[in-house]
PDB file of N, CA and C in Angstrom:
ATOM      1  N   LEU A   1       0.828  -1.200   0.000  1.00  0.00           N
ATOM      2  CA  LEU A   1       0.000   0.000   0.000  1.00  0.00           C
ATOM      3  C   LEU A   1       0.867   1.257   0.000  1.00  0.00           C
ATOM      4  N   GLY A   2       1.923   1.263   0.822  1.00  0.00           N
ATOM      5  CA  GLY A   2       2.822   2.410   0.877  1.00  0.00           C
ATOM      6  C   GLY A   2       3.472   2.672  -0.465  1.00  0.00           C
ATOM      7  N   GLU A   3       3.885   1.613  -1.131  1.00  0.00           N
ATOM      8  CA  GLU A   3       4.535   1.766  -2.434  1.00  0.00           C
ATOM      9  C   GLU A   3       3.548   2.321  -3.453  1.00  0.00           C
ATOM     10  N   SER A   4       2.359   1.783  -3.457  1.00  0.00           N
ATOM     11  CA  SER A   4       1.327   2.253  -4.376  1.00  0.00           C
ATOM     12  C   SER A   4       1.031   3.724  -4.125  1.00  0.00           C
ATOM     13  N   SER A   5       0.980   4.101  -2.866  1.00  0.00           N
ATOM     14  CA  SER A   5       0.715   5.482  -2.503  1.00  0.00           C
ATOM     15  C   SER A   5       1.813   6.398  -3.050  1.00  0.00           C
ATOM     16  N   GLY A   6       3.076   5.954  -2.977  1.00  0.00           N
ATOM     17  CA  GLY A   6       4.191   6.730  -3.508  1.00  0.00           C
ATOM     18  C   GLY A   6       4.090   6.904  -5.006  1.00  0.00           C
ATOM     19  N   ILE A   7       3.684   5.866  -5.697  1.00  0.00           N
ATOM     20  CA  ILE A   7       3.525   5.933  -7.154  1.00  0.00           C
ATOM     21  C   ILE A   7       2.438   6.936  -7.499  1.00  0.00           C
ATOM     22  N   ASN A   8       1.324   6.885  -6.788  1.00  0.00           N
ATOM     23  CA  ASN A   8       0.241   7.830  -7.047  1.00  0.00           C
ATOM     24  C   ASN A   8       0.683   9.266  -6.771  1.00  0.00           C
ATOM     25  N   ALA A   9       1.466   9.461  -5.709  1.00  0.00           N
ATOM     26  CA  ALA A   9       1.954  10.799  -5.397  1.00  0.00           C
ATOM     27  C   ALA A   9       2.871  11.298  -6.512  1.00  0.00           C
ATOM     28  N   GLU A  10       3.748  10.431  -7.009  1.00  0.00           N
ATOM     29  CA  GLU A  10       4.636  10.801  -8.116  1.00  0.00           C
ATOM     30  C   GLU A  10       3.830  11.157  -9.351  1.00  0.00           C
ATOM     31  N   TYR A  11       2.843  10.351  -9.666  1.00  0.00           N
ATOM     32  CA  TYR A  11       2.002  10.602 -10.830  1.00  0.00           C
ATOM     33  C   TYR A  11       1.283  11.937 -10.670  1.00  0.00           C
ATOM     34  N   GLY A  12       0.816  12.207  -9.467  1.00  0.00           N
ATOM     35  CA  GLY A  12       0.130  13.471  -9.201  1.00  0.00           C
ATOM     36  C   GLY A  12       1.037  14.657  -9.448  1.00  0.00           C
ATOM     37  N   GLN A  13       2.295  14.562  -9.037  1.00  0.00           N
ATOM     38  CA  GLN A  13       3.249  15.644  -9.259  1.00  0.00           C
ATOM     39  C   GLN A  13       3.532  15.804 -10.746  1.00  0.00           C
ATOM     40  N   LEU A  14       3.698  14.705 -11.432  1.00  0.00           N
ATOM     41  CA  LEU A  14       3.949  14.748 -12.871  1.00  0.00           C
ATOM     42  C   LEU A  14       2.746  15.344 -13.585  1.00  0.00           C
ATOM     43  N   ASN A  15       1.560  14.891 -13.201  1.00  0.00           N
ATOM     44  CA  ASN A  15       0.340  15.380 -13.818  1.00  0.00           C
ATOM     45  C   ASN A  15       0.195  16.888 -13.592  1.00  0.00           C
ATOM     46  N   THR A  16       0.481  17.357 -12.380  1.00  0.00           N
ATOM     47  CA  THR A  16       0.379  18.771 -12.077  1.00  0.00           C
ATOM     48  C   THR A  16       1.393  19.570 -12.902  1.00  0.00           C
ATOM     49  N   ALA A  17       2.614  19.080 -13.033  1.00  0.00           N
ATOM     50  CA  ALA A  17       3.634  19.766 -13.841  1.00  0.00           C
ATOM     51  C   ALA A  17       3.206  19.822 -15.303  1.00  0.00           C
ATOM     52  N   THR A  18       2.647  18.731 -15.786  1.00  0.00           N
ATOM     53  CA  THR A  18       2.166  18.691 -17.168  1.00  0.00           C
ATOM     54  C   THR A  18       1.035  19.690 -17.362  1.00  0.00           C
ATOM     55  N   GLU A  19       0.142  19.756 -16.394  1.00  0.00           N
ATOM     56  CA  GLU A  19      -0.972  20.706 -16.480  1.00  0.00           C
ATOM     57  C   GLU A  19      -0.470  22.149 -16.478  1.00  0.00           C
ATOM     58  N   ARG A  20       0.527  22.448 -15.643  1.00  0.00           N
ATOM     59  CA  ARG A  20       1.096  23.808 -15.611  1.00  0.00           C
ATOM     60  C   ARG A  20       1.733  24.154 -16.953  1.00  0.00           C
ATOM     61  N   ALA A  21       2.466  23.223 -17.524  1.00  0.00           N
ATOM     62  CA  ALA A  21       3.102  23.460 -18.823  1.00  0.00           C
ATOM     63  C   ALA A  21       2.042  23.695 -19.895  1.00  0.00           C
ATOM     64  N   HIS A  22       0.983  22.920 -19.848  1.00  0.00           N
ATOM     65  CA  HIS A  22      -0.101  23.071 -20.820  1.00  0.00           C
ATOM     66  C   HIS A  22      -0.760  24.447 -20.677  1.00  0.00           C
ATOM     67  N   THR A  23      -0.975  24.878 -19.443  1.00  0.00           N
ATOM     68  CA  THR A  23      -1.580  26.186 -19.199  1.00  0.00           C
ATOM     69  C   THR A  23      -0.670  27.296 -19.710  1.00  0.00           C
ATOM     70  N   LYS A  24       0.636  27.182 -19.463  1.00  0.00           N
ATOM     71  CA  LYS A  24       1.584  28.183 -19.959  1.00  0.00           C
ATOM     72  C   LYS A  24       1.551  28.253 -21.478  1.00  0.00           C
ATOM     73  N   SER A  25       1.517  27.097 -22.132  1.00  0.00           N
ATOM     74  CA  SER A  25       1.504  27.102 -23.592  1.00  0.00           C
ATOM     75  C   SER A  25       0.205  27.692 -24.123  1.00  0.00           C
ATOM     76  N   GLN A  26      -0.910  27.403 -23.453  1.00  0.00           N
ATOM     77  CA  GLN A  26      -2.182  27.991 -23.875  1.00  0.00           C
ATOM     78  C   GLN A  26      -2.172  29.509 -23.704  1.00  0.00           C
ATOM     79  N   ASN A  27      -1.632  29.981 -22.575  1.00  0.00           N
ATOM     80  CA  ASN A  27      -1.552  31.425 -22.322  1.00  0.00           C
ATOM     81  C   ASN A  27      -0.690  32.108 -23.371  1.00  0.00           C
ATOM     82  N   PHE A  28       0.461  31.508 -23.679  1.00  0.00           N
ATOM     83  CA  PHE A  28       1.345  32.091 -24.682  1.00  0.00           C
ATOM     84  C   PHE A  28       0.670  32.094 -26.051  1.00  0.00           C
ATOM     85  N   SER A  29      -0.030  31.032 -26.377  1.00  0.00           N
ATOM     86  CA  SER A  29      -0.749  30.971 -27.661  1.00  0.00           C
ATOM     87  C   SER A  29      -1.781  32.088 -27.755  1.00  0.00           C
ATOM     88  N   SER A  30      -2.451  32.382 -26.659  1.00  0.00           N
ATOM     89  CA  SER A  30      -3.438  33.471 -26.647  1.00  0.00           C
ATOM     90  C   SER A  30      -2.771  34.823 -26.883  1.00  0.00           C
ATOM     91  N   VAL A  31      -1.625  35.034 -26.247  1.00  0.00           N
ATOM     92  CA  VAL A  31      -0.879  36.280 -26.447  1.00  0.00           C
ATOM     93  C   VAL A  31      -0.474  36.399 -27.912  1.00  0.00           C
ATOM     94  N   LEU A  32       0.030  35.308 -28.469  1.00  0.00           N
ATOM     95  CA  LEU A  32       0.451  35.336 -29.876  1.00  0.00           C
ATOM     96  C   LEU A  32      -0.718  35.628 -30.804  1.00  0.00           C
ATOM     97  N   LYS A  33      -1.827  34.978 -30.540  1.00  0.00           N
ATOM     98  CA  LYS A  33      -2.989  35.150 -31.413  1.00  0.00           C
ATOM     99  C   LYS A  33      -3.430  36.610 -31.450  1.00  0.00           C
ATOM    100  N   SER A  34      -3.316  37.289 -30.306  1.00  0.00           N
ATOM    101  CA  SER A  34      -3.728  38.689 -30.274  1.00  0.00           C
ATOM    102  C   SER A  34      -2.627  39.638 -30.757  1.00  0.00           C
ATOM    103  N   SER A  35      -1.386  39.159 -30.835  1.00  0.00           N
ATOM    104  CA  SER A  35      -0.263  40.022 -31.212  1.00  0.00           C
ATOM    105  C   SER A  35       0.168  39.880 -32.669  1.00  0.00           C
ATOM    106  N   LEU A  36      -0.018  38.707 -33.232  1.00  0.00           N
ATOM    107  CA  LEU A  36       0.450  38.428 -34.593  1.00  0.00           C
ATOM    108  C   LEU A  36      -0.670  38.604 -35.604  1.00  0.00           C
ATOM    109  N   SER A  37      -0.281  38.809 -36.834  1.00  0.00           N
ATOM    110  CA  SER A  37      -1.268  38.797 -37.913  1.00  0.00           C
ATOM    111  C   SER A  37      -1.751  37.352 -38.083  1.00  0.00           C
ATOM    112  N   THR A  38      -2.823  37.177 -38.782  1.00  0.00           N
ATOM    113  CA  THR A  38      -3.342  35.828 -39.031  1.00  0.00           C
ATOM    114  C   THR A  38      -2.302  34.982 -39.746  1.00  0.00           C
ATOM    115  N   THR A  39      -1.631  35.562 -40.720  1.00  0.00           N
ATOM    116  CA  THR A  39      -0.598  34.837 -41.475  1.00  0.00           C
ATOM    117  C   THR A  39       0.548  34.427 -40.561  1.00  0.00           C
ATOM    118  N   GLU A  40       1.000  35.347 -39.703  1.00  0.00           N
ATOM    119  CA  GLU A  40       2.093  35.044 -38.778  1.00  0.00           C
ATOM    120  C   GLU A  40       1.684  33.953 -37.780  1.00  0.00           C
ATOM    121  N   TYR A  41       0.459  34.054 -37.282  1.00  0.00           N
ATOM    122  CA  TYR A  41      -0.016  33.061 -36.307  1.00  0.00           C
ATOM    123  C   TYR A  41      -0.119  31.674 -36.943  1.00  0.00           C
ATOM    124  N   GLU A  42      -0.599  31.615 -38.163  1.00  0.00           N
ATOM    125  CA  GLU A  42      -0.685  30.332 -38.862  1.00  0.00           C
ATOM    126  C   GLU A  42       0.722  29.757 -39.096  1.00  0.00           C
ATOM    127  N   ALA A  43       1.667  30.617 -39.425  1.00  0.00           N
ATOM    128  CA  ALA A  43       3.052  30.172 -39.606  1.00  0.00           C
ATOM    129  C   ALA A  43       3.611  29.642 -38.287  1.00  0.00           C
ATOM    130  N   PHE A  44       3.314  30.325 -37.191  1.00  0.00           N
ATOM    131  CA  PHE A  44       3.734  29.877 -35.866  1.00  0.00           C
ATOM    132  C   PHE A  44       3.171  28.485 -35.559  1.00  0.00           C
ATOM    133  N   LYS A  45       1.891  28.283 -35.822  1.00  0.00           N
ATOM    134  CA  LYS A  45       1.269  26.969 -35.562  1.00  0.00           C
ATOM    135  C   LYS A  45       1.936  25.879 -36.392  1.00  0.00           C
ATOM    136  N   GLU A  46       2.321  26.211 -37.604  1.00  0.00           N
ATOM    137  CA  GLU A  46       3.010  25.243 -38.466  1.00  0.00           C
ATOM    138  C   GLU A  46       4.384  24.889 -37.886  1.00  0.00           C
ATOM    139  N   VAL A  47       5.077  25.877 -37.343  1.00  0.00           N
ATOM    140  CA  VAL A  47       6.379  25.620 -36.705  1.00  0.00           C
ATOM    141  C   VAL A  47       6.204  24.624 -35.556  1.00  0.00           C
ATOM    142  N   ILE A  48       5.185  24.831 -34.743  1.00  0.00           N
ATOM    143  CA  ILE A  48       4.908  23.922 -33.616  1.00  0.00           C
ATOM    144  C   ILE A  48       4.635  22.513 -34.136  1.00  0.00           C
ATOM    145  N   LYS A  49       3.803  22.425 -35.156  1.00  0.00           N
ATOM    146  CA  LYS A  49       3.433  21.127 -35.730  1.00  0.00           C
ATOM    147  C   LYS A  49       4.661  20.379 -36.254  1.00  0.00           C
ATOM    148  N   VAL A  50       5.503  21.075 -36.991  1.00  0.00           N
ATOM    149  CA  VAL A  50       6.708  20.454 -37.554  1.00  0.00           C
ATOM    150  C   VAL A  50       7.675  20.066 -36.437  1.00  0.00           C
ATOM    151  N   TYR A  51       7.807  20.929 -35.428  1.00  0.00           N
ATOM    152  CA  TYR A  51       8.709  20.620 -34.307  1.00  0.00           C
ATOM    153  C   TYR A  51       8.263  19.346 -33.584  1.00  0.00           C
ATOM    154  N   LYS A  52       6.968  19.191 -33.387  1.00  0.00           N
ATOM    155  CA  LYS A  52       6.471  17.990 -32.705  1.00  0.00           C
ATOM    156  C   LYS A  52       6.782  16.723 -33.498  1.00  0.00           C
ATOM    157  N   ILE A  53       6.802  16.839 -34.807  1.00  0.00           N
ATOM    158  CA  ILE A  53       7.072  15.673 -35.658  1.00  0.00           C
ATOM    159  C   ILE A  53       8.577  15.441 -35.821  1.00  0.00           C
ATOM    160  N   LYS A  54       9.296  16.479 -36.221  1.00  0.00           N
ATOM    161  CA  LYS A  54      10.714  16.324 -36.576  1.00  0.00           C
ATOM    162  C   LYS A  54      11.676  16.555 -35.414  1.00  0.00           C
ATOM    163  N   LYS A  55      11.224  17.292 -34.396  1.00  0.00           N
ATOM    164  CA  LYS A  55      12.053  17.585 -33.216  1.00  0.00           C
ATOM    165  C   LYS A  55      13.386  18.229 -33.604  1.00  0.00           C
ATOM    166  N   ASP A  56      13.327  19.153 -34.560  1.00  0.00           N
ATOM    167  CA  ASP A  56      14.519  19.806 -35.103  1.00  0.00           C
ATOM    168  C   ASP A  56      14.580  21.257 -34.624  1.00  0.00           C
ATOM    169  N   ILE A  57      15.342  21.510 -33.568  1.00  0.00           N
ATOM    170  CA  ILE A  57      15.411  22.852 -32.991  1.00  0.00           C
ATOM    171  C   ILE A  57      16.052  23.849 -33.946  1.00  0.00           C
ATOM    172  N   ASP A  58      16.981  23.417 -34.772  1.00  0.00           N
ATOM    173  CA  ASP A  58      17.609  24.335 -35.732  1.00  0.00           C
ATOM    174  C   ASP A  58      16.585  24.896 -36.711  1.00  0.00           C
ATOM    175  N   ASN A  59      15.690  24.041 -37.188  1.00  0.00           N
ATOM    176  CA  ASN A  59      14.625  24.477 -38.084  1.00  0.00           C
ATOM    177  C   ASN A  59      13.677  25.440 -37.362  1.00  0.00           C
ATOM    178  N   VAL A  60      13.390  25.156 -36.100  1.00  0.00           N
ATOM    179  CA  VAL A  60      12.524  26.025 -35.302  1.00  0.00           C
ATOM    180  C   VAL A  60      13.137  27.422 -35.203  1.00  0.00           C
ATOM    181  N   ILE A  61      14.422  27.481 -34.902  1.00  0.00           N
ATOM    182  CA  ILE A  61      15.094  28.773 -34.750  1.00  0.00           C
ATOM    183  C   ILE A  61      15.042  29.574 -36.046  1.00  0.00           C
ATOM    184  N   VAL A  62      15.306  28.935 -37.162  1.00  0.00           N
ATOM    185  CA  VAL A  62      15.233  29.620 -38.460  1.00  0.00           C
ATOM    186  C   VAL A  62      13.813  30.120 -38.711  1.00  0.00           C
ATOM    187  N   SER A  63      12.839  29.275 -38.490  1.00  0.00           N
ATOM    188  CA  SER A  63      11.441  29.640 -38.741  1.00  0.00           C
ATOM    189  C   SER A  63      10.978  30.757 -37.820  1.00  0.00           C
ATOM    190  N   LEU A  64      11.322  30.675 -36.543  1.00  0.00           N
ATOM    191  CA  LEU A  64      10.906  31.711 -35.604  1.00  0.00           C
ATOM    192  C   LEU A  64      11.566  33.047 -35.909  1.00  0.00           C
ATOM    193  N   THR A  65      12.805  32.997 -36.375  1.00  0.00           N
ATOM    194  CA  THR A  65      13.492  34.229 -36.757  1.00  0.00           C
ATOM    195  C   THR A  65      12.716  34.924 -37.870  1.00  0.00           C
ATOM    196  N   GLU A  66      12.253  34.158 -38.840  1.00  0.00           N
ATOM    197  CA  GLU A  66      11.486  34.723 -39.958  1.00  0.00           C
ATOM    198  C   GLU A  66      10.164  35.326 -39.477  1.00  0.00           C
ATOM    199  N   ILE A  67       9.518  34.674 -38.520  1.00  0.00           N
ATOM    200  CA  ILE A  67       8.204  35.137 -38.051  1.00  0.00           C
ATOM    201  C   ILE A  67       8.318  36.311 -37.087  1.00  0.00           C
ATOM    202  N   PHE A  68       9.254  36.231 -36.145  1.00  0.00           N
ATOM    203  CA  PHE A  68       9.258  37.153 -35.016  1.00  0.00           C
ATOM    204  C   PHE A  68      10.264  38.291 -35.056  1.00  0.00           C
ATOM    205  N   MET A  69      11.414  38.124 -35.679  1.00  0.00           N
ATOM    206  CA  MET A  69      12.504  39.086 -35.498  1.00  0.00           C
ATOM    207  C   MET A  69      12.184  40.497 -35.987  1.00  0.00           C
ATOM    208  N   ALA A  70      11.435  40.637 -37.038  1.00  0.00           N
ATOM    209  CA  ALA A  70      11.176  41.973 -37.576  1.00  0.00           C
ATOM    210  C   ALA A  70      10.296  42.819 -36.645  1.00  0.00           C
ATOM    211  N   ASN A  71       9.224  42.231 -36.134  1.00  0.00           N
ATOM    212  CA  ASN A  71       8.250  43.033 -35.387  1.00  0.00           C
ATOM    213  C   ASN A  71       7.888  42.505 -33.998  1.00  0.00           C
ATOM    214  N   HIS A  72       8.321  41.306 -33.663  1.00  0.00           N
ATOM    215  CA  HIS A  72       7.837  40.692 -32.422  1.00  0.00           C
ATOM    216  C   HIS A  72       8.940  39.997 -31.624  1.00  0.00           C
ATOM    217  N   LYS A  73      10.140  40.578 -31.621  1.00  0.00           N
ATOM    218  CA  LYS A  73      11.267  39.952 -30.914  1.00  0.00           C
ATOM    219  C   LYS A  73      10.938  39.633 -29.465  1.00  0.00           C
ATOM    220  N   ASP A  74      10.169  40.524 -28.831  1.00  0.00           N
ATOM    221  CA  ASP A  74       9.843  40.357 -27.422  1.00  0.00           C
ATOM    222  C   ASP A  74       9.061  39.077 -27.148  1.00  0.00           C
ATOM    223  N   LEU A  75       8.427  38.529 -28.157  1.00  0.00           N
ATOM    224  CA  LEU A  75       7.621  37.310 -27.976  1.00  0.00           C
ATOM    225  C   LEU A  75       8.434  36.026 -28.110  1.00  0.00           C
ATOM    226  N   LEU A  76       9.638  36.122 -28.631  1.00  0.00           N
ATOM    227  CA  LEU A  76      10.442  34.913 -28.864  1.00  0.00           C
ATOM    228  C   LEU A  76      10.686  34.104 -27.590  1.00  0.00           C
ATOM    229  N   LYS A  77      10.970  34.777 -26.477  1.00  0.00           N
ATOM    230  CA  LYS A  77      11.268  34.062 -25.229  1.00  0.00           C
ATOM    231  C   LYS A  77      10.117  33.148 -24.816  1.00  0.00           C
ATOM    232  N   GLY A  78       8.912  33.571 -25.079  1.00  0.00           N
ATOM    233  CA  GLY A  78       7.742  32.787 -24.680  1.00  0.00           C
ATOM    234  C   GLY A  78       7.651  31.447 -25.381  1.00  0.00           C
ATOM    235  N   PHE A  79       8.296  31.330 -26.527  1.00  0.00           N
ATOM    236  CA  PHE A  79       8.231  30.073 -27.274  1.00  0.00           C
ATOM    237  C   PHE A  79       8.857  28.924 -26.500  1.00  0.00           C
ATOM    238  N   ARG A  80       9.696  29.256 -25.551  1.00  0.00           N
ATOM    239  CA  ARG A  80      10.406  28.257 -24.742  1.00  0.00           C
ATOM    240  C   ARG A  80       9.459  27.232 -24.110  1.00  0.00           C
ATOM    241  N   VAL A  81       8.212  27.636 -23.812  1.00  0.00           N
ATOM    242  CA  VAL A  81       7.264  26.711 -23.157  1.00  0.00           C
ATOM    243  C   VAL A  81       6.911  25.519 -24.044  1.00  0.00           C
ATOM    244  N   PHE A  82       7.143  25.633 -25.334  1.00  0.00           N
ATOM    245  CA  PHE A  82       6.822  24.542 -26.250  1.00  0.00           C
ATOM    246  C   PHE A  82       7.983  23.565 -26.457  1.00  0.00           C
ATOM    247  N   LEU A  83       9.166  23.925 -25.979  1.00  0.00           N
ATOM    248  CA  LEU A  83      10.358  23.140 -26.275  1.00  0.00           C
ATOM    249  C   LEU A  83      10.581  21.984 -25.309  1.00  0.00           C
ATOM    250  N   LYS A  84      11.168  20.942 -25.843  1.00  0.00           N
ATOM    251  CA  LYS A  84      11.633  19.829 -25.027  1.00  0.00           C
ATOM    252  C   LYS A  84      12.837  20.325 -24.235  1.00  0.00           C
ATOM    253  N   ASP A  85      13.038  19.769 -23.047  1.00  0.00           N
ATOM    254  CA  ASP A  85      14.156  20.191 -22.200  1.00  0.00           C
ATOM    255  C   ASP A  85      15.484  20.144 -22.944  1.00  0.00           C
ATOM    256  N   ARG A  86      15.664  19.123 -23.763  1.00  0.00           N
ATOM    257  CA  ARG A  86      16.948  18.957 -24.461  1.00  0.00           C
ATOM    258  C   ARG A  86      17.229  20.110 -25.433  1.00  0.00           C
ATOM    259  N   ASP A  87      16.209  20.832 -25.859  1.00  0.00           N
ATOM    260  CA  ASP A  87      16.383  21.905 -26.834  1.00  0.00           C
ATOM    261  C   ASP A  87      16.463  23.295 -26.204  1.00  0.00           C
ATOM    262  N   LYS A  88      16.160  23.405 -24.933  1.00  0.00           N
ATOM    263  CA  LYS A  88      16.102  24.720 -24.286  1.00  0.00           C
ATOM    264  C   LYS A  88      17.467  25.398 -24.217  1.00  0.00           C
ATOM    265  N   ILE A  89      18.539  24.638 -24.006  1.00  0.00           N
ATOM    266  CA  ILE A  89      19.878  25.237 -23.923  1.00  0.00           C
ATOM    267  C   ILE A  89      20.250  25.897 -25.251  1.00  0.00           C
ATOM    268  N   LYS A  90      20.019  25.189 -26.343  1.00  0.00           N
ATOM    269  CA  LYS A  90      20.343  25.747 -27.663  1.00  0.00           C
ATOM    270  C   LYS A  90      19.461  26.961 -27.968  1.00  0.00           C
ATOM    271  N   PHE A  91      18.200  26.889 -27.599  1.00  0.00           N
ATOM    272  CA  PHE A  91      17.289  28.004 -27.827  1.00  0.00           C
ATOM    273  C   PHE A  91      17.709  29.217 -26.988  1.00  0.00           C
ATOM    274  N   ASP A  92      18.097  28.966 -25.734  1.00  0.00           N
ATOM    275  CA  ASP A  92      18.563  30.055 -24.869  1.00  0.00           C
ATOM    276  C   ASP A  92      19.826  30.702 -25.438  1.00  0.00           C
ATOM    277  N   LYS A  93      20.704  29.904 -26.026  1.00  0.00           N
ATOM    278  CA  LYS A  93      21.916  30.437 -26.654  1.00  0.00           C
ATOM    279  C   LYS A  93      21.523  31.353 -27.815  1.00  0.00           C
ATOM    280  N   PHE A  94      20.562  30.909 -28.614  1.00  0.00           N
ATOM    281  CA  PHE A  94      20.050  31.723 -29.714  1.00  0.00           C
ATOM    282  C   PHE A  94      19.493  33.057 -29.186  1.00  0.00           C
ATOM    283  N   LEU A  95      18.675  32.988 -28.124  1.00  0.00           N
ATOM    284  CA  LEU A  95      18.100  34.207 -27.537  1.00  0.00           C
ATOM    285  C   LEU A  95      19.199  35.135 -27.036  1.00  0.00           C
ATOM    286  N   SER A  96      20.209  34.543 -26.409  1.00  0.00           N
ATOM    287  CA  SER A  96      21.323  35.330 -25.891  1.00  0.00           C
ATOM    288  C   SER A  96      22.085  36.018 -27.022  1.00  0.00           C
ATOM    289  N   GLU A  97      22.335  35.297 -28.104  1.00  0.00           N
ATOM    290  CA  GLU A  97      23.043  35.865 -29.259  1.00  0.00           C
ATOM    291  C   GLU A  97      22.268  37.032 -29.877  1.00  0.00           C
ATOM    292  N   LYS A  98      20.950  36.992 -29.760  1.00  0.00           N
ATOM    293  CA  LYS A  98      20.108  38.061 -30.302  1.00  0.00           C
ATOM    294  C   LYS A  98      19.897  39.193 -29.293  1.00  0.00           C
ATOM    295  N   GLY A  99      20.488  39.022 -28.089  1.00  0.00           N
ATOM    296  CA  GLY A  99      20.365  40.041 -27.047  1.00  0.00           C
ATOM    297  C   GLY A  99      19.009  40.062 -26.372  1.00  0.00           C
ATOM    298  N   LEU A 100      18.334  38.937 -26.391  1.00  0.00           N
ATOM    299  CA  LEU A 100      16.976  38.873 -25.836  1.00  0.00           C
ATOM    300  C   LEU A 100      16.928  38.332 -24.413  1.00  0.00           C
ATOM    301  N   ILE A 101      18.035  37.768 -23.952  1.00  0.00           N
ATOM    302  CA  ILE A 101      18.124  37.369 -22.540  1.00  0.00           C
ATOM    303  C   ILE A 101      19.506  37.717 -22.018  1.00  0.00           C
TER     304      ILE A 101
END
């Protein structure tokens, strides 16, 4: 029973972390939808879709630069909520090189 209880507690923590991440991504998506043009927002959604399939952070960085750098640099940092942990270091380096963090 004690072991089962520990597993449930772990699952609860994981579930809560997943829910927080989902809420952050939804909030950021709402900000983007109100800040970007329809064309830019659709391009952003395509970047997310391709990233989920190909998991290619280099492609994401190129695509986001095209969408955000001209008029929405301040929004680039928020994209971090969509990234896998393994890609956050490279993305942070990109942000740093652009003077955004």
